[in-house]
């Protein structure tokens, strides 16, 4: 009886460890948890060893994109939840799906499928409302998505997304973690 219990306990532990690993890899972030909402436009200094991932966009944002971004911002601070697509918890692709759905645009559920929607664009051409895709476990497999939120005067690309550790936040491509994980951008609007 003790042997069976130990084996089942080991199996349960292995399943829990696997589930946690999947969550970390699927919509990763290496930051600490915080429920503080951050909508500041403070630029993040770029480290010397990072790729140049700046946009040249400096134009006006259409009203429809402003509305989409307002809908995204209302979820700032919402927690991360694997498979979630409601304000009680989002994963990265569920967040993008919900925000676009609220603006009458249908996206696929998975970030890997979202990465094939619309047309791929060069990072220098991105503007607010475009989607950014990342490989948070390294390699080239899409595992995370964010929505371009704003472009700084210096070309800094900031995006809103659901991270595994902080929930819905705004991050920058000037952050080492996101700069190294960045794969490509898609325009769907």
C-alpha atoms as a PDB file:
ATOM      1  CA  UNK A   1       0.000   0.000   0.000  1.00  0.00           C
ATOM      2  CA  UNK A   2       2.818   2.420   0.913  1.00  0.00           C
ATOM      3  CA  UNK A   3       4.534   1.689  -2.426  1.00  0.00           C
ATOM      4  CA  UNK A   4       1.380   2.531  -4.382  1.00  0.00           C
ATOM      5  CA  UNK A   5       0.932   5.779  -2.429  1.00  0.00           C
ATOM      6  CA  UNK A   6       4.550   6.802  -3.083  1.00  0.00           C
ATOM      7  CA  UNK A   7       4.260   6.001  -6.759  1.00  0.00           C
ATOM      8  CA  UNK A   8       1.013   8.005  -7.036  1.00  0.00           C
ATOM      9  CA  UNK A   9       2.574  10.863  -5.062  1.00  0.00           C
ATOM     10  CA  UNK A  10       5.574  10.843  -7.400  1.00  0.00           C
ATOM     11  CA  UNK A  11       3.253  10.820 -10.410  1.00  0.00           C
ATOM     12  CA  UNK A  12       1.273  13.748  -9.000  1.00  0.00           C
ATOM     13  CA  UNK A  13       4.465  15.675  -8.315  1.00  0.00           C
ATOM     14  CA  UNK A  14       5.695  15.039 -11.839  1.00  0.00           C
ATOM     15  CA  UNK A  15       2.367  16.206 -13.315  1.00  0.00           C
ATOM     16  CA  UNK A  16       2.421  19.401 -11.236  1.00  0.00           C
ATOM     17  CA  UNK A  17       6.028  20.102 -12.248  1.00  0.00           C
ATOM     18  CA  UNK A  18       5.158  19.518 -15.911  1.00  0.00           C
ATOM     19  CA  UNK A  19       2.161  21.850 -15.738  1.00  0.00           C
ATOM     20  CA  UNK A  20       4.211  24.608 -14.107  1.00  0.00           C
ATOM     21  CA  UNK A  21       6.955  24.215 -16.724  1.00  0.00           C
ATOM     22  CA  UNK A  22       4.418  24.458 -19.535  1.00  0.00           C
ATOM     23  CA  UNK A  23       2.988  27.684 -18.129  1.00  0.00           C
ATOM     24  CA  UNK A  24       6.417  29.273 -17.772  1.00  0.00           C
ATOM     25  CA  UNK A  25       7.368  28.349 -21.318  1.00  0.00           C
ATOM     26  CA  UNK A  26       4.008  29.193 -22.931  1.00  0.00           C
ATOM     27  CA  UNK A  27       3.727  32.882 -22.039  1.00  0.00           C
ATOM     28  CA  UNK A  28       6.954  33.562 -20.237  1.00  0.00           C
ATOM     29  CA  UNK A  29       8.332  36.446 -18.274  1.00  0.00           C
ATOM     30  CA  UNK A  30      11.161  36.499 -15.805  1.00  0.00           C
ATOM     31  CA  UNK A  31       9.782  39.355 -13.730  1.00  0.00           C
ATOM     32  CA  UNK A  32       8.409  39.333 -10.162  1.00  0.00           C
ATOM     33  CA  UNK A  33       4.678  39.486  -9.443  1.00  0.00           C
ATOM     34  CA  UNK A  34       3.098  42.906  -9.007  1.00  0.00           C
ATOM     35  CA  UNK A  35      -0.507  44.038  -9.127  1.00  0.00           C
ATOM     36  CA  UNK A  36       0.469  47.676  -9.687  1.00  0.00           C
ATOM     37  CA  UNK A  37      -0.918  49.105 -12.925  1.00  0.00           C
ATOM     38  CA  UNK A  38       1.727  50.728 -15.106  1.00  0.00           C
ATOM     39  CA  UNK A  39       0.684  52.987 -17.941  1.00  0.00           C
ATOM     40  CA  UNK A  40       3.611  55.393 -17.792  1.00  0.00           C
ATOM     41  CA  UNK A  41       5.470  56.167 -20.970  1.00  0.00           C
ATOM     42  CA  UNK A  42       8.908  56.156 -19.346  1.00  0.00           C
ATOM     43  CA  UNK A  43      11.501  54.870 -21.772  1.00  0.00           C
ATOM     44  CA  UNK A  44      13.715  51.954 -20.901  1.00  0.00           C
ATOM     45  CA  UNK A  45      17.378  52.412 -21.739  1.00  0.00           C
ATOM     46  CA  UNK A  46      18.660  49.838 -24.191  1.00  0.00           C
ATOM     47  CA  UNK A  47      21.585  47.698 -23.076  1.00  0.00           C
ATOM     48  CA  UNK A  48      24.578  47.586 -25.413  1.00  0.00           C
ATOM     49  CA  UNK A  49      24.238  43.930 -26.384  1.00  0.00           C
ATOM     50  CA  UNK A  50      20.603  44.124 -27.566  1.00  0.00           C
ATOM     51  CA  UNK A  51      19.249  44.047 -31.100  1.00  0.00           C
ATOM     52  CA  UNK A  52      17.961  47.303 -32.548  1.00  0.00           C
ATOM     53  CA  UNK A  53      14.211  46.721 -32.456  1.00  0.00           C
ATOM     54  CA  UNK A  54      12.913  50.246 -32.956  1.00  0.00           C
ATOM     55  CA  UNK A  55      10.001  51.531 -35.011  1.00  0.00           C
ATOM     56  CA  UNK A  56      10.007  54.576 -37.251  1.00  0.00           C
ATOM     57  CA  UNK A  57       6.282  55.153 -36.675  1.00  0.00           C
ATOM     58  CA  UNK A  58       5.457  58.677 -35.534  1.00  0.00           C
ATOM     59  CA  UNK A  59       2.052  59.203 -37.074  1.00  0.00           C
ATOM     60  CA  UNK A  60      -1.485  59.575 -35.848  1.00  0.00           C
ATOM     61  CA  UNK A  61      -3.313  56.547 -34.491  1.00  0.00           C
ATOM     62  CA  UNK A  62      -6.786  55.921 -35.961  1.00  0.00           C
ATOM     63  CA  UNK A  63      -9.733  56.089 -33.545  1.00  0.00           C
ATOM     64  CA  UNK A  64     -10.342  52.338 -33.967  1.00  0.00           C
ATOM     65  CA  UNK A  65      -6.797  51.547 -32.745  1.00  0.00           C
ATOM     66  CA  UNK A  66      -7.180  53.980 -29.826  1.00  0.00           C
ATOM     67  CA  UNK A  67     -10.362  52.137 -28.820  1.00  0.00           C
ATOM     68  CA  UNK A  68      -8.604  48.777 -29.066  1.00  0.00           C
ATOM     69  CA  UNK A  69      -5.766  50.038 -26.844  1.00  0.00           C
ATOM     70  CA  UNK A  70      -8.229  51.484 -24.309  1.00  0.00           C
ATOM     71  CA  UNK A  71      -9.895  48.076 -24.146  1.00  0.00           C
ATOM     72  CA  UNK A  72      -6.489  46.465 -23.582  1.00  0.00           C
ATOM     73  CA  UNK A  73      -5.548  48.989 -20.864  1.00  0.00           C
ATOM     74  CA  UNK A  74      -8.694  48.310 -18.853  1.00  0.00           C
ATOM     75  CA  UNK A  75      -7.253  44.859 -18.115  1.00  0.00           C
ATOM     76  CA  UNK A  76      -3.913  46.128 -16.752  1.00  0.00           C
ATOM     77  CA  UNK A  77      -3.223  44.249 -13.530  1.00  0.00           C
ATOM     78  CA  UNK A  78      -5.520  41.314 -14.403  1.00  0.00           C
ATOM     79  CA  UNK A  79      -3.827  38.095 -13.274  1.00  0.00           C
ATOM     80  CA  UNK A  80      -2.295  35.418 -15.457  1.00  0.00           C
ATOM     81  CA  UNK A  81      -4.323  32.234 -15.864  1.00  0.00           C
ATOM     82  CA  UNK A  82      -3.307  29.423 -18.190  1.00  0.00           C
ATOM     83  CA  UNK A  83      -6.045  29.047 -20.817  1.00  0.00           C
ATOM     84  CA  UNK A  84      -7.782  32.186 -19.525  1.00  0.00           C
ATOM     85  CA  UNK A  85      -9.476  34.779 -21.685  1.00  0.00           C
ATOM     86  CA  UNK A  86     -11.512  36.804 -19.163  1.00  0.00           C
ATOM     87  CA  UNK A  87     -10.724  39.607 -16.722  1.00  0.00           C
ATOM     88  CA  UNK A  88     -10.460  37.003 -13.944  1.00  0.00           C
ATOM     89  CA  UNK A  89      -7.317  35.719 -15.683  1.00  0.00           C
ATOM     90  CA  UNK A  90      -5.641  35.736 -19.094  1.00  0.00           C
ATOM     91  CA  UNK A  91      -2.896  33.871 -20.848  1.00  0.00           C
ATOM     92  CA  UNK A  92      -1.091  35.782 -23.591  1.00  0.00           C
ATOM     93  CA  UNK A  93      -3.139  34.595 -26.563  1.00  0.00           C
ATOM     94  CA  UNK A  94      -6.390  34.749 -24.585  1.00  0.00           C
ATOM     95  CA  UNK A  95      -5.666  38.398 -23.819  1.00  0.00           C
ATOM     96  CA  UNK A  96      -5.032  39.268 -27.486  1.00  0.00           C
ATOM     97  CA  UNK A  97      -8.112  37.273 -28.516  1.00  0.00           C
ATOM     98  CA  UNK A  98     -10.351  39.090 -25.997  1.00  0.00           C
ATOM     99  CA  UNK A  99      -9.131  42.596 -26.859  1.00  0.00           C
ATOM    100  CA  UNK A 100      -9.487  42.055 -30.614  1.00  0.00           C
ATOM    101  CA  UNK A 101     -12.850  40.307 -30.151  1.00  0.00           C
ATOM    102  CA  UNK A 102     -14.163  43.349 -28.221  1.00  0.00           C
ATOM    103  CA  UNK A 103     -13.262  45.374 -31.303  1.00  0.00           C
ATOM    104  CA  UNK A 104     -15.056  43.070 -33.765  1.00  0.00           C
ATOM    105  CA  UNK A 105     -11.972  41.310 -35.051  1.00  0.00           C
ATOM    106  CA  UNK A 106     -11.565  37.546 -34.753  1.00  0.00           C
ATOM    107  CA  UNK A 107      -8.168  36.034 -33.945  1.00  0.00           C
ATOM    108  CA  UNK A 108      -7.306  32.352 -33.594  1.00  0.00           C
ATOM    109  CA  UNK A 109      -6.973  31.128 -29.976  1.00  0.00           C
ATOM    110  CA  UNK A 110      -3.320  30.007 -29.962  1.00  0.00           C
ATOM    111  CA  UNK A 111      -0.393  32.438 -30.244  1.00  0.00           C
ATOM    112  CA  UNK A 112       1.261  30.189 -32.852  1.00  0.00           C
ATOM    113  CA  UNK A 113      -1.873  30.493 -35.016  1.00  0.00           C
ATOM    114  CA  UNK A 114      -2.178  34.227 -34.343  1.00  0.00           C
ATOM    115  CA  UNK A 115       1.403  34.535 -35.634  1.00  0.00           C
ATOM    116  CA  UNK A 116       0.157  33.481 -39.081  1.00  0.00           C
ATOM    117  CA  UNK A 117      -2.793  35.918 -39.171  1.00  0.00           C
ATOM    118  CA  UNK A 118      -2.553  39.102 -41.226  1.00  0.00           C
ATOM    119  CA  UNK A 119       0.752  39.994 -42.812  1.00  0.00           C
ATOM    120  CA  UNK A 120       4.259  39.915 -41.382  1.00  0.00           C
ATOM    121  CA  UNK A 121       5.902  43.332 -41.113  1.00  0.00           C
ATOM    122  CA  UNK A 122       9.365  44.606 -40.331  1.00  0.00           C
ATOM    123  CA  UNK A 123       9.844  45.856 -36.772  1.00  0.00           C
ATOM    124  CA  UNK A 124      10.720  49.296 -38.163  1.00  0.00           C
ATOM    125  CA  UNK A 125       7.185  49.518 -39.579  1.00  0.00           C
ATOM    126  CA  UNK A 126       5.201  48.499 -36.487  1.00  0.00           C
ATOM    127  CA  UNK A 127       2.591  50.815 -35.077  1.00  0.00           C
ATOM    128  CA  UNK A 128       0.153  50.602 -32.167  1.00  0.00           C
ATOM    129  CA  UNK A 129      -2.293  47.722 -32.586  1.00  0.00           C
ATOM    130  CA  UNK A 130       0.153  45.399 -34.354  1.00  0.00           C
ATOM    131  CA  UNK A 131       1.004  42.020 -32.794  1.00  0.00           C
ATOM    132  CA  UNK A 132       4.481  41.011 -31.602  1.00  0.00           C
ATOM    133  CA  UNK A 133       5.528  37.375 -31.281  1.00  0.00           C
ATOM    134  CA  UNK A 134       8.168  35.828 -29.060  1.00  0.00           C
ATOM    135  CA  UNK A 135       9.965  32.546 -28.414  1.00  0.00           C
ATOM    136  CA  UNK A 136      10.232  32.644 -24.620  1.00  0.00           C
ATOM    137  CA  UNK A 137      11.960  29.257 -24.446  1.00  0.00           C
ATOM    138  CA  UNK A 138      14.543  30.157 -27.077  1.00  0.00           C
ATOM    139  CA  UNK A 139      14.574  28.851 -30.616  1.00  0.00           C
ATOM    140  CA  UNK A 140      12.041  29.929 -33.211  1.00  0.00           C
ATOM    141  CA  UNK A 141       8.762  28.454 -31.935  1.00  0.00           C
ATOM    142  CA  UNK A 142       6.143  31.107 -31.111  1.00  0.00           C
ATOM    143  CA  UNK A 143       5.164  30.890 -27.454  1.00  0.00           C
ATOM    144  CA  UNK A 144       4.060  34.435 -26.564  1.00  0.00           C
ATOM    145  CA  UNK A 145       2.151  37.356 -28.092  1.00  0.00           C
ATOM    146  CA  UNK A 146       1.729  41.018 -27.208  1.00  0.00           C
ATOM    147  CA  UNK A 147      -0.068  44.014 -28.723  1.00  0.00           C
ATOM    148  CA  UNK A 148       2.007  47.083 -29.654  1.00  0.00           C
ATOM    149  CA  UNK A 149       0.867  49.789 -27.226  1.00  0.00           C
ATOM    150  CA  UNK A 150       2.964  52.806 -28.163  1.00  0.00           C
ATOM    151  CA  UNK A 151       6.146  53.937 -29.876  1.00  0.00           C
ATOM    152  CA  UNK A 152       8.453  56.283 -27.965  1.00  0.00           C
ATOM    153  CA  UNK A 153      10.055  59.379 -29.517  1.00  0.00           C
ATOM    154  CA  UNK A 154      13.291  57.377 -29.781  1.00  0.00           C
ATOM    155  CA  UNK A 155      11.532  54.474 -31.572  1.00  0.00           C
ATOM    156  CA  UNK A 156      11.161  52.325 -28.442  1.00  0.00           C
ATOM    157  CA  UNK A 157       8.406  49.747 -28.993  1.00  0.00           C
ATOM    158  CA  UNK A 158       6.215  49.144 -25.941  1.00  0.00           C
ATOM    159  CA  UNK A 159       3.598  46.402 -25.887  1.00  0.00           C
ATOM    160  CA  UNK A 160       0.758  45.257 -23.649  1.00  0.00           C
ATOM    161  CA  UNK A 161       0.475  41.553 -22.863  1.00  0.00           C
ATOM    162  CA  UNK A 162      -0.353  38.932 -20.245  1.00  0.00           C
ATOM    163  CA  UNK A 163       2.870  37.722 -18.629  1.00  0.00           C
ATOM    164  CA  UNK A 164       2.934  34.578 -16.506  1.00  0.00           C
ATOM    165  CA  UNK A 165       4.278  36.348 -13.435  1.00  0.00           C
ATOM    166  CA  UNK A 166       2.777  39.841 -13.549  1.00  0.00           C
ATOM    167  CA  UNK A 167      -0.458  39.332 -15.446  1.00  0.00           C
ATOM    168  CA  UNK A 168      -1.426  42.087 -17.882  1.00  0.00           C
ATOM    169  CA  UNK A 169       1.387  44.649 -18.083  1.00  0.00           C
ATOM    170  CA  UNK A 170       3.151  46.954 -20.518  1.00  0.00           C
ATOM    171  CA  UNK A 171       6.706  45.946 -21.441  1.00  0.00           C
ATOM    172  CA  UNK A 172       9.391  47.193 -23.832  1.00  0.00           C
ATOM    173  CA  UNK A 173      11.474  45.607 -26.565  1.00  0.00           C
ATOM    174  CA  UNK A 174      14.389  47.420 -24.886  1.00  0.00           C
ATOM    175  CA  UNK A 175      14.126  44.970 -21.973  1.00  0.00           C
ATOM    176  CA  UNK A 176      16.750  42.261 -22.352  1.00  0.00           C
ATOM    177  CA  UNK A 177      14.319  39.368 -21.845  1.00  0.00           C
ATOM    178  CA  UNK A 178      11.853  40.533 -24.526  1.00  0.00           C
ATOM    179  CA  UNK A 179      14.535  41.766 -26.923  1.00  0.00           C
ATOM    180  CA  UNK A 180      16.193  38.354 -26.979  1.00  0.00           C
ATOM    181  CA  UNK A 181      12.876  36.466 -27.256  1.00  0.00           C
ATOM    182  CA  UNK A 182      11.419  38.634 -30.064  1.00  0.00           C
ATOM    183  CA  UNK A 183      10.629  36.776 -33.311  1.00  0.00           C
ATOM    184  CA  UNK A 184       8.462  38.937 -35.600  1.00  0.00           C
ATOM    185  CA  UNK A 185       5.501  41.305 -35.939  1.00  0.00           C
ATOM    186  CA  UNK A 186       2.157  40.870 -37.706  1.00  0.00           C
ATOM    187  CA  UNK A 187      -0.322  43.486 -38.873  1.00  0.00           C
ATOM    188  CA  UNK A 188      -3.889  42.255 -38.551  1.00  0.00           C
ATOM    189  CA  UNK A 189      -5.789  45.577 -38.635  1.00  0.00           C
END
